[in-house]
PDB file of N, CA and C in Angstrom:
ATOM      1  N   MET A   1      13.953  -2.952 -29.538  1.00  0.00           N
ATOM      2  CA  MET A   1      14.746  -3.728 -28.441  1.00  0.00           C
ATOM      3  C   MET A   1      14.340  -2.234 -27.243  1.00  0.00           C
ATOM      4  N   MET A   2      13.670  -3.057 -26.238  1.00  0.00           N
ATOM      5  CA  MET A   2      13.344  -1.780 -25.111  1.00  0.00           C
ATOM      6  C   MET A   2      14.764  -1.238 -24.379  1.00  0.00           C
ATOM      7  N   GLN A   3      14.496  -0.137 -24.393  1.00  0.00           N
ATOM      8  CA  GLN A   3      15.678   1.097 -23.360  1.00  0.00           C
ATOM      9  C   GLN A   3      15.273   1.335 -22.131  1.00  0.00           C
ATOM     10  N   VAL A   4      16.097   0.945 -21.289  1.00  0.00           N
ATOM     11  CA  VAL A   4      16.309   0.854 -19.417  1.00  0.00           C
ATOM     12  C   VAL A   4      16.956   2.194 -19.269  1.00  0.00           C
ATOM     13  N   GLN A   5      16.442   2.839 -18.391  1.00  0.00           N
ATOM     14  CA  GLN A   5      17.249   3.929 -18.004  1.00  0.00           C
ATOM     15  C   GLN A   5      17.413   3.774 -16.457  1.00  0.00           C
ATOM     16  N   SER A   6      18.419   4.166 -15.748  1.00  0.00           N
ATOM     17  CA  SER A   6      18.165   4.206 -14.038  1.00  0.00           C
ATOM     18  C   SER A   6      18.673   5.009 -14.031  1.00  0.00           C
ATOM     19  N   THR A   7      17.967   5.711 -12.664  1.00  0.00           N
ATOM     20  CA  THR A   7      18.646   6.598 -11.991  1.00  0.00           C
ATOM     21  C   THR A   7      19.255   6.253 -10.524  1.00  0.00           C
ATOM     22  N   GLY A   8      20.126   6.826 -10.281  1.00  0.00           N
ATOM     23  CA  GLY A   8      20.827   6.481  -9.088  1.00  0.00           C
ATOM     24  C   GLY A   8      22.189   5.151  -8.880  1.00  0.00           C
ATOM     25  N   GLY A   9      22.134   4.715 -10.360  1.00  0.00           N
ATOM     26  CA  GLY A   9      23.347   4.396 -10.472  1.00  0.00           C
ATOM     27  C   GLY A   9      23.663   3.597 -11.894  1.00  0.00           C
ATOM     28  N   GLU A  10      24.530   2.366 -12.155  1.00  0.00           N
ATOM     29  CA  GLU A  10      24.635   2.124 -13.579  1.00  0.00           C
ATOM     30  C   GLU A  10      23.556   1.190 -13.785  1.00  0.00           C
ATOM     31  N   THR A  11      23.286   0.602 -14.558  1.00  0.00           N
ATOM     32  CA  THR A  11      21.594   0.026 -14.810  1.00  0.00           C
ATOM     33  C   THR A  11      21.730  -1.640 -14.548  1.00  0.00           C
ATOM     34  N   MET A  12      23.318  -1.926 -14.663  1.00  0.00           N
ATOM     35  CA  MET A  12      23.125  -3.443 -14.138  1.00  0.00           C
ATOM     36  C   MET A  12      23.225  -3.701 -12.400  1.00  0.00           C
ATOM     37  N   VAL A  13      24.072  -2.725 -11.799  1.00  0.00           N
ATOM     38  CA  VAL A  13      23.751  -2.676 -10.716  1.00  0.00           C
ATOM     39  C   VAL A  13      22.072  -2.123 -10.077  1.00  0.00           C
ATOM     40  N   VAL A  14      21.893  -1.910 -10.708  1.00  0.00           N
ATOM     41  CA  VAL A  14      20.462  -1.177  -9.967  1.00  0.00           C
ATOM     42  C   VAL A  14      19.359  -2.801 -10.637  1.00  0.00           C
ATOM     43  N   LEU A  15      19.645  -3.234 -11.794  1.00  0.00           N
ATOM     44  CA  LEU A  15      19.050  -4.361 -11.742  1.00  0.00           C
ATOM     45  C   LEU A  15      19.253  -5.492 -10.598  1.00  0.00           C
ATOM     46  N   ALA A  16      20.743  -5.600 -10.582  1.00  0.00           N
ATOM     47  CA  ALA A  16      21.398  -6.638  -9.673  1.00  0.00           C
ATOM     48  C   ALA A  16      20.308  -6.302  -8.319  1.00  0.00           C
ATOM     49  N   ALA A  17      20.392  -4.789  -7.823  1.00  0.00           N
ATOM     50  CA  ALA A  17      19.787  -4.834  -6.857  1.00  0.00           C
ATOM     51  C   ALA A  17      18.603  -5.400  -6.489  1.00  0.00           C
ATOM     52  N   LEU A  18      17.543  -4.902  -7.565  1.00  0.00           N
ATOM     53  CA  LEU A  18      15.831  -5.568  -7.997  1.00  0.00           C
ATOM     54  C   LEU A  18      16.223  -6.884  -7.887  1.00  0.00           C
ATOM     55  N   VAL A  19      16.990  -7.230  -8.625  1.00  0.00           N
ATOM     56  CA  VAL A  19      16.862  -9.055  -8.481  1.00  0.00           C
ATOM     57  C   VAL A  19      17.021  -9.707  -6.950  1.00  0.00           C
ATOM     58  N   GLY A  20      18.149  -9.036  -6.384  1.00  0.00           N
ATOM     59  CA  GLY A  20      18.395  -9.086  -4.868  1.00  0.00           C
ATOM     60  C   GLY A  20      17.090  -8.777  -4.209  1.00  0.00           C
ATOM     61  N   LEU A  21      16.321  -7.958  -4.350  1.00  0.00           N
ATOM     62  CA  LEU A  21      15.527  -7.899  -3.571  1.00  0.00           C
ATOM     63  C   LEU A  21      14.451  -8.509  -3.931  1.00  0.00           C
ATOM     64  N   ALA A  22      13.829  -9.001  -4.981  1.00  0.00           N
ATOM     65  CA  ALA A  22      12.923 -10.142  -5.487  1.00  0.00           C
ATOM     66  C   ALA A  22      13.058 -11.199  -4.526  1.00  0.00           C
ATOM     67  N   VAL A  23      14.616 -11.768  -4.630  1.00  0.00           N
ATOM     68  CA  VAL A  23      14.870 -12.841  -4.265  1.00  0.00           C
ATOM     69  C   VAL A  23      14.691 -13.106  -2.588  1.00  0.00           C
ATOM     70  N   ALA A  24      14.800 -11.972  -1.764  1.00  0.00           N
ATOM     71  CA  ALA A  24      14.719 -12.078  -0.534  1.00  0.00           C
ATOM     72  C   ALA A  24      13.240 -11.751  -0.183  1.00  0.00           C
ATOM     73  N   LEU A  25      12.620 -11.386  -0.620  1.00  0.00           N
ATOM     74  CA  LEU A  25      11.229 -11.605  -0.966  1.00  0.00           C
ATOM     75  C   LEU A  25      10.789 -12.767  -1.153  1.00  0.00           C
ATOM     76  N   VAL A  26      10.824 -13.230  -1.905  1.00  0.00           N
ATOM     77  CA  VAL A  26      10.623 -14.780  -2.118  1.00  0.00           C
ATOM     78  C   VAL A  26      10.903 -15.438  -0.984  1.00  0.00           C
ATOM     79  N   LEU A  27      12.170 -15.573  -0.762  1.00  0.00           N
ATOM     80  CA  LEU A  27      12.979 -16.037   0.820  1.00  0.00           C
ATOM     81  C   LEU A  27      11.759 -16.112   2.060  1.00  0.00           C
ATOM     82  N   ALA A  28      11.301 -14.558   2.025  1.00  0.00           N
ATOM     83  CA  ALA A  28      10.434 -13.858   3.304  1.00  0.00           C
ATOM     84  C   ALA A  28       9.261 -14.806   3.438  1.00  0.00           C
ATOM     85  N   VAL A  29       9.268 -14.798   2.012  1.00  0.00           N
ATOM     86  CA  VAL A  29       7.549 -15.580   1.895  1.00  0.00           C
ATOM     87  C   VAL A  29       7.501 -16.580   2.155  1.00  0.00           C
ATOM     88  N   ALA A  30       8.463 -17.413   1.562  1.00  0.00           N
ATOM     89  CA  ALA A  30       8.474 -19.173   2.001  1.00  0.00           C
ATOM     90  C   ALA A  30       8.662 -19.258   3.248  1.00  0.00           C
ATOM     91  N   VAL A  31       9.388 -18.309   4.064  1.00  0.00           N
ATOM     92  CA  VAL A  31       9.392 -18.671   5.354  1.00  0.00           C
ATOM     93  C   VAL A  31       8.227 -18.507   6.058  1.00  0.00           C
ATOM     94  N   VAL A  32       7.562 -17.246   6.132  1.00  0.00           N
ATOM     95  CA  VAL A  32       6.303 -16.847   6.736  1.00  0.00           C
ATOM     96  C   VAL A  32       5.081 -17.983   6.226  1.00  0.00           C
ATOM     97  N   TYR A  33       5.331 -18.584   4.874  1.00  0.00           N
ATOM     98  CA  TYR A  33       4.492 -19.757   4.861  1.00  0.00           C
ATOM     99  C   TYR A  33       4.526 -20.700   5.475  1.00  0.00           C
ATOM    100  N   THR A  34       5.699 -20.993   5.505  1.00  0.00           N
ATOM    101  CA  THR A  34       6.133 -22.292   6.455  1.00  0.00           C
ATOM    102  C   THR A  34       5.583 -22.328   7.422  1.00  0.00           C
ATOM    103  N   LEU A  35       5.930 -21.390   8.079  1.00  0.00           N
ATOM    104  CA  LEU A  35       5.190 -20.860   9.474  1.00  0.00           C
ATOM    105  C   LEU A  35       3.828 -20.796   9.457  1.00  0.00           C
ATOM    106  N   PHE A  36       3.075 -20.179   8.648  1.00  0.00           N
ATOM    107  CA  PHE A  36       1.551 -20.009   8.968  1.00  0.00           C
ATOM    108  C   PHE A  36       1.253 -21.370   8.583  1.00  0.00           C
ATOM    109  N   THR A  37       1.280 -21.937   7.635  1.00  0.00           N
ATOM    110  CA  THR A  37       1.089 -23.739   7.609  1.00  0.00           C
ATOM    111  C   THR A  37       0.920 -24.372   8.792  1.00  0.00           C
ATOM    112  N   GLY A  38       2.107 -24.390   9.601  1.00  0.00           N
ATOM    113  CA  GLY A  38       3.088 -25.015  10.834  1.00  0.00           C
ATOM    114  C   GLY A  38       1.755 -24.267  11.791  1.00  0.00           C
ATOM    115  N   TYR A  39       1.329 -22.970  11.383  1.00  0.00           N
ATOM    116  CA  TYR A  39       0.179 -22.672  12.747  1.00  0.00           C
ATOM    117  C   TYR A  39      -0.965 -23.331  12.535  1.00  0.00           C
ATOM    118  N   ARG A  40      -1.389 -23.435  11.441  1.00  0.00           N
ATOM    119  CA  ARG A  40      -2.630 -23.813  10.795  1.00  0.00           C
ATOM    120  C   ARG A  40      -2.972 -25.566  10.960  1.00  0.00           C
ATOM    121  N   ARG A  41      -1.519 -26.075  10.785  1.00  0.00           N
ATOM    122  CA  ARG A  41      -1.966 -27.364  11.731  1.00  0.00           C
ATOM    123  C   ARG A  41      -1.894 -27.948  12.993  1.00  0.00           C
ATOM    124  N   VAL A  42      -1.038 -27.136  13.764  1.00  0.00           N
ATOM    125  CA  VAL A  42      -0.578 -27.466  14.608  1.00  0.00           C
ATOM    126  C   VAL A  42      -1.654 -26.462  15.944  1.00  0.00           C
ATOM    127  N   GLY A  43      -1.344 -25.137  15.226  1.00  0.00           N
ATOM    128  CA  GLY A  43      -2.828 -24.336  16.401  1.00  0.00           C
ATOM    129  C   GLY A  43      -2.018 -23.813  17.336  1.00  0.00           C
ATOM    130  N   ASP A  44      -0.685 -23.845  17.138  1.00  0.00           N
ATOM    131  CA  ASP A  44       0.376 -23.115  18.192  1.00  0.00           C
ATOM    132  C   ASP A  44       0.061 -21.506  17.896  1.00  0.00           C
ATOM    133  N   PRO A  45      -0.020 -20.656  18.768  1.00  0.00           N
ATOM    134  CA  PRO A  45      -0.095 -19.254  18.996  1.00  0.00           C
ATOM    135  C   PRO A  45       1.310 -19.162  18.531  1.00  0.00           C
ATOM    136  N   GLY A  46       1.978 -19.314  18.938  1.00  0.00           N
ATOM    137  CA  GLY A  46       3.492 -18.654  19.112  1.00  0.00           C
ATOM    138  C   GLY A  46       4.042 -19.119  17.344  1.00  0.00           C
ATOM    139  N   MET A  47       3.969 -19.592  16.547  1.00  0.00           N
ATOM    140  CA  MET A  47       4.261 -20.045  15.326  1.00  0.00           C
ATOM    141  C   MET A  47       3.674 -18.830  14.645  1.00  0.00           C
ATOM    142  N   PHE A  48       2.217 -18.495  14.405  1.00  0.00           N
ATOM    143  CA  PHE A  48       1.506 -17.348  14.255  1.00  0.00           C
ATOM    144  C   PHE A  48       2.609 -16.230  14.658  1.00  0.00           C
ATOM    145  N   GLY A  49       2.557 -15.950  15.998  1.00  0.00           N
ATOM    146  CA  GLY A  49       3.161 -14.654  16.244  1.00  0.00           C
ATOM    147  C   GLY A  49       4.691 -14.631  15.402  1.00  0.00           C
ATOM    148  N   LEU A  50       5.228 -15.658  15.350  1.00  0.00           N
ATOM    149  CA  LEU A  50       6.841 -15.420  14.133  1.00  0.00           C
ATOM    150  C   LEU A  50       6.151 -15.160  12.982  1.00  0.00           C
ATOM    151  N   ALA A  51       5.177 -15.928  12.449  1.00  0.00           N
ATOM    152  CA  ALA A  51       4.650 -15.236  11.369  1.00  0.00           C
ATOM    153  C   ALA A  51       4.845 -13.984  10.740  1.00  0.00           C
ATOM    154  N   VAL A  52       4.084 -13.521  12.186  1.00  0.00           N
ATOM    155  CA  VAL A  52       3.474 -11.491  11.713  1.00  0.00           C
ATOM    156  C   VAL A  52       4.931 -11.193  12.197  1.00  0.00           C
ATOM    157  N   GLY A  53       5.626 -11.590  13.011  1.00  0.00           N
ATOM    158  CA  GLY A  53       6.944 -11.041  13.106  1.00  0.00           C
ATOM    159  C   GLY A  53       7.614 -10.790  11.879  1.00  0.00           C
ATOM    160  N   LEU A  54       8.173 -12.062  11.764  1.00  0.00           N
ATOM    161  CA  LEU A  54       9.231 -12.214  10.470  1.00  0.00           C
ATOM    162  C   LEU A  54       8.510 -11.635   9.195  1.00  0.00           C
ATOM    163  N   THR A  55       7.180 -11.590   9.227  1.00  0.00           N
ATOM    164  CA  THR A  55       6.660 -10.401   8.116  1.00  0.00           C
ATOM    165  C   THR A  55       6.669  -9.253   7.854  1.00  0.00           C
ATOM    166  N   LEU A  56       6.542  -8.884   9.179  1.00  0.00           N
ATOM    167  CA  LEU A  56       6.653  -7.312   9.607  1.00  0.00           C
ATOM    168  C   LEU A  56       8.546  -6.563   9.139  1.00  0.00           C
ATOM    169  N   LEU A  57       9.629  -8.049   9.635  1.00  0.00           N
ATOM    170  CA  LEU A  57      11.019  -7.757   9.663  1.00  0.00           C
ATOM    171  C   LEU A  57      11.444  -7.903   8.557  1.00  0.00           C
ATOM    172  N   THR A  58      10.907  -8.905   7.701  1.00  0.00           N
ATOM    173  CA  THR A  58      11.225  -9.119   6.472  1.00  0.00           C
ATOM    174  C   THR A  58      10.884  -8.571   5.155  1.00  0.00           C
ATOM    175  N   ALA A  59       9.554  -8.765   4.822  1.00  0.00           N
ATOM    176  CA  ALA A  59       8.764  -8.894   3.692  1.00  0.00           C
ATOM    177  C   ALA A  59       7.894  -7.765   3.236  1.00  0.00           C
ATOM    178  N   VAL A  60       7.562  -6.999   4.549  1.00  0.00           N
ATOM    179  CA  VAL A  60       6.970  -5.619   4.087  1.00  0.00           C
ATOM    180  C   VAL A  60       8.035  -4.293   4.396  1.00  0.00           C
ATOM    181  N   PRO A  61       9.245  -4.566   4.780  1.00  0.00           N
ATOM    182  CA  PRO A  61      10.175  -3.343   4.674  1.00  0.00           C
ATOM    183  C   PRO A  61      10.192  -3.615   3.020  1.00  0.00           C
ATOM    184  N   ILE A  62      10.691  -4.746   2.671  1.00  0.00           N
ATOM    185  CA  ILE A  62      11.463  -4.943   1.029  1.00  0.00           C
ATOM    186  C   ILE A  62      10.185  -4.100   0.298  1.00  0.00           C
ATOM    187  N   VAL A  63       8.957  -4.955   0.342  1.00  0.00           N
ATOM    188  CA  VAL A  63       7.718  -3.817  -0.176  1.00  0.00           C
ATOM    189  C   VAL A  63       7.763  -2.258  -0.185  1.00  0.00           C
ATOM    190  N   LEU A  64       7.870  -1.756   0.896  1.00  0.00           N
ATOM    191  CA  LEU A  64       8.083  -0.697   1.182  1.00  0.00           C
ATOM    192  C   LEU A  64       9.176  -0.210   0.444  1.00  0.00           C
ATOM    193  N   ARG A  65      10.481  -0.771   0.332  1.00  0.00           N
ATOM    194  CA  ARG A  65      11.353  -0.280   0.144  1.00  0.00           C
ATOM    195  C   ARG A  65      11.155  -0.021  -1.747  1.00  0.00           C
ATOM    196  N   VAL A  66      10.262  -0.495  -2.336  1.00  0.00           N
ATOM    197  CA  VAL A  66      10.515  -0.828  -3.650  1.00  0.00           C
ATOM    198  C   VAL A  66       8.901   0.461  -3.943  1.00  0.00           C
ATOM    199  N   VAL A  67       8.257   0.373  -3.433  1.00  0.00           N
ATOM    200  CA  VAL A  67       6.811   0.671  -3.883  1.00  0.00           C
ATOM    201  C   VAL A  67       7.198   2.043  -3.342  1.00  0.00           C
ATOM    202  N   VAL A  68       7.190   2.775  -2.225  1.00  0.00           N
ATOM    203  CA  VAL A  68       7.252   3.858  -1.714  1.00  0.00           C
ATOM    204  C   VAL A  68       7.967   5.039  -2.477  1.00  0.00           C
ATOM    205  N   PRO A  69       8.915   4.532  -2.659  1.00  0.00           N
ATOM    206  CA  PRO A  69       9.696   5.380  -3.906  1.00  0.00           C
ATOM    207  C   PRO A  69       9.577   5.533  -5.288  1.00  0.00           C
ATOM    208  N   THR A  70       8.747   4.131  -5.524  1.00  0.00           N
ATOM    209  CA  THR A  70       8.140   4.524  -6.905  1.00  0.00           C
ATOM    210  C   THR A  70       6.751   5.096  -7.414  1.00  0.00           C
ATOM    211  N   LEU A  71       6.063   5.249  -5.832  1.00  0.00           N
ATOM    212  CA  LEU A  71       5.005   5.615  -5.795  1.00  0.00           C
ATOM    213  C   LEU A  71       4.997   7.294  -5.828  1.00  0.00           C
ATOM    214  N   GLY A  72       6.348   7.616  -5.180  1.00  0.00           N
ATOM    215  CA  GLY A  72       6.337   8.886  -4.703  1.00  0.00           C
ATOM    216  C   GLY A  72       5.677   9.566  -3.647  1.00  0.00           C
ATOM    217  N   ILE A  73       5.384   8.634  -2.589  1.00  0.00           N
ATOM    218  CA  ILE A  73       4.392   8.801  -1.699  1.00  0.00           C
ATOM    219  C   ILE A  73       5.174   9.666  -0.621  1.00  0.00           C
ATOM    220  N   ALA A  74       6.311   9.538   0.051  1.00  0.00           N
ATOM    221  CA  ALA A  74       6.862  10.138   1.372  1.00  0.00           C
ATOM    222  C   ALA A  74       8.082  10.193   0.539  1.00  0.00           C
ATOM    223  N   SER A  75       8.810  11.548   1.607  1.00  0.00           N
ATOM    224  CA  SER A  75      10.195  11.657   1.321  1.00  0.00           C
ATOM    225  C   SER A  75      11.138  10.331   1.746  1.00  0.00           C
ATOM    226  N   PRO A  76      12.338  10.459   1.489  1.00  0.00           N
ATOM    227  CA  PRO A  76      13.417   9.393   2.256  1.00  0.00           C
ATOM    228  C   PRO A  76      13.108   9.586   3.419  1.00  0.00           C
ATOM    229  N   PRO A  77      13.294  10.476   4.250  1.00  0.00           N
ATOM    230  CA  PRO A  77      13.449  10.441   5.741  1.00  0.00           C
ATOM    231  C   PRO A  77      12.183   9.789   6.135  1.00  0.00           C
ATOM    232  N   VAL A  78      10.936  10.237   5.574  1.00  0.00           N
ATOM    233  CA  VAL A  78      10.038   9.463   6.196  1.00  0.00           C
ATOM    234  C   VAL A  78       9.729   7.936   6.040  1.00  0.00           C
ATOM    235  N   ARG A  79      10.497   7.590   4.467  1.00  0.00           N
ATOM    236  CA  ARG A  79      10.095   6.478   3.910  1.00  0.00           C
ATOM    237  C   ARG A  79      11.237   5.528   5.135  1.00  0.00           C
ATOM    238  N   SER A  80      12.301   6.163   5.386  1.00  0.00           N
ATOM    239  CA  SER A  80      13.426   5.202   6.192  1.00  0.00           C
ATOM    240  C   SER A  80      12.963   5.068   8.162  1.00  0.00           C
ATOM    241  N   LEU A  81      11.792   6.120   8.187  1.00  0.00           N
ATOM    242  CA  LEU A  81      11.494   5.963   9.464  1.00  0.00           C
ATOM    243  C   LEU A  81       9.995   4.875   9.365  1.00  0.00           C
ATOM    244  N   VAL A  82       9.416   5.093   8.205  1.00  0.00           N
ATOM    245  CA  VAL A  82       8.415   3.925   8.658  1.00  0.00           C
ATOM    246  C   VAL A  82       8.952   2.368   8.270  1.00  0.00           C
ATOM    247  N   VAL A  83      10.192   1.940   7.577  1.00  0.00           N
ATOM    248  CA  VAL A  83      10.464   1.123   7.101  1.00  0.00           C
ATOM    249  C   VAL A  83      11.195   0.653   8.499  1.00  0.00           C
ATOM    250  N   SER A  84      11.809   1.237   9.133  1.00  0.00           N
ATOM    251  CA  SER A  84      12.783   1.373  10.207  1.00  0.00           C
ATOM    252  C   SER A  84      11.554   0.981  11.207  1.00  0.00           C
ATOM    253  N   GLY A  85      10.430   1.460  11.251  1.00  0.00           N
ATOM    254  CA  GLY A  85       9.290   1.084  12.068  1.00  0.00           C
ATOM    255  C   GLY A  85       8.699   0.125  12.405  1.00  0.00           C
ATOM    256  N   CYS A  86       8.491  -0.336  10.915  1.00  0.00           N
ATOM    257  CA  CYS A  86       7.998  -1.709  10.798  1.00  0.00           C
ATOM    258  C   CYS A  86       9.173  -2.844  10.825  1.00  0.00           C
ATOM    259  N   GLU A  87      10.165  -2.834  10.859  1.00  0.00           N
ATOM    260  CA  GLU A  87      11.156  -3.878  11.360  1.00  0.00           C
ATOM    261  C   GLU A  87      11.552  -4.015  12.484  1.00  0.00           C
ATOM    262  N   ILE A  88      11.227  -2.721  13.710  1.00  0.00           N
ATOM    263  CA  ILE A  88      11.558  -2.678  14.943  1.00  0.00           C
ATOM    264  C   ILE A  88      10.461  -3.446  15.375  1.00  0.00           C
ATOM    265  N   ALA A  89       9.232  -3.077  14.709  1.00  0.00           N
ATOM    266  CA  ALA A  89       7.697  -3.810  14.926  1.00  0.00           C
ATOM    267  C   ALA A  89       8.034  -5.071  15.271  1.00  0.00           C
ATOM    268  N   GLY A  90       8.402  -5.702  14.158  1.00  0.00           N
ATOM    269  CA  GLY A  90       8.441  -7.470  13.923  1.00  0.00           C
ATOM    270  C   GLY A  90       9.621  -8.041  14.673  1.00  0.00           C
ATOM    271  N   LEU A  91      10.719  -7.004  15.042  1.00  0.00           N
ATOM    272  CA  LEU A  91      11.502  -7.866  15.717  1.00  0.00           C
ATOM    273  C   LEU A  91      11.457  -7.352  17.390  1.00  0.00           C
ATOM    274  N   VAL A  92       9.928  -6.640  17.794  1.00  0.00           N
ATOM    275  CA  VAL A  92       9.087  -7.038  19.228  1.00  0.00           C
ATOM    276  C   VAL A  92       8.471  -8.176  19.063  1.00  0.00           C
ATOM    277  N   VAL A  93       7.394  -8.200  18.012  1.00  0.00           N
ATOM    278  CA  VAL A  93       6.793  -9.366  18.035  1.00  0.00           C
ATOM    279  C   VAL A  93       7.133 -10.281  17.976  1.00  0.00           C
ATOM    280  N   VAL A  94       8.764 -10.863  17.503  1.00  0.00           N
ATOM    281  CA  VAL A  94       9.333 -12.368  17.478  1.00  0.00           C
ATOM    282  C   VAL A  94       9.898 -12.062  18.732  1.00  0.00           C
ATOM    283  N   LEU A  95      10.661 -11.190  19.780  1.00  0.00           N
ATOM    284  CA  LEU A  95      11.134 -11.128  20.879  1.00  0.00           C
ATOM    285  C   LEU A  95       9.824 -11.282  22.176  1.00  0.00           C
ATOM    286  N   VAL A  96       8.578 -11.004  21.496  1.00  0.00           N
ATOM    287  CA  VAL A  96       7.264 -11.170  22.590  1.00  0.00           C
ATOM    288  C   VAL A  96       7.135 -12.416  22.632  1.00  0.00           C
ATOM    289  N   VAL A  97       7.218 -13.187  21.196  1.00  0.00           N
ATOM    290  CA  VAL A  97       6.903 -14.845  21.305  1.00  0.00           C
ATOM    291  C   VAL A  97       7.915 -15.444  21.329  1.00  0.00           C
ATOM    292  N   ILE A  98       8.889 -15.399  21.642  1.00  0.00           N
ATOM    293  CA  ILE A  98      10.216 -15.974  22.433  1.00  0.00           C
ATOM    294  C   ILE A  98       9.990 -15.717  23.819  1.00  0.00           C
ATOM    295  N   TYR A  99      10.241 -14.830  24.483  1.00  0.00           N
ATOM    296  CA  TYR A  99      10.030 -14.836  26.107  1.00  0.00           C
ATOM    297  C   TYR A  99       8.608 -15.149  26.501  1.00  0.00           C
ATOM    298  N   ASP A 100       7.524 -15.067  25.535  1.00  0.00           N
ATOM    299  CA  ASP A 100       6.380 -15.776  26.057  1.00  0.00           C
ATOM    300  C   ASP A 100       6.282 -17.214  26.103  1.00  0.00           C
ATOM    301  N   ALA A 101       7.006 -17.672  25.287  1.00  0.00           N
ATOM    302  CA  ALA A 101       7.051 -19.135  25.228  1.00  0.00           C
ATOM    303  C   ALA A 101       7.238 -19.868  26.516  1.00  0.00           C
ATOM    304  N   GLY A 102       7.945 -19.349  27.218  1.00  0.00           N
ATOM    305  CA  GLY A 102       8.613 -20.091  28.511  1.00  0.00           C
ATOM    306  C   GLY A 102       7.628 -19.965  29.659  1.00  0.00           C
TER     307      GLY A 102
END
């Protein structure tokens, strides 16, 4: 049997957090995929903008929260700034699409 050792908490809590992140990532990709296929079908640039904004707001930060600490690429403060910057960029894109549509 494989031994699992976790850092930062109980093994079951860490596994539950990872499963939660995986579910959130799948849902984010599903929403973005739906927007992108709608954009390809209709050709509305607003749908493409929403797809980009929601990708930056949801999927990219989830991946960064897992990949960056795993690879040890950046310190926790830098990682936090990058993730927050990505989320802010996604919100800005969504707001631009919403207010530019009218």
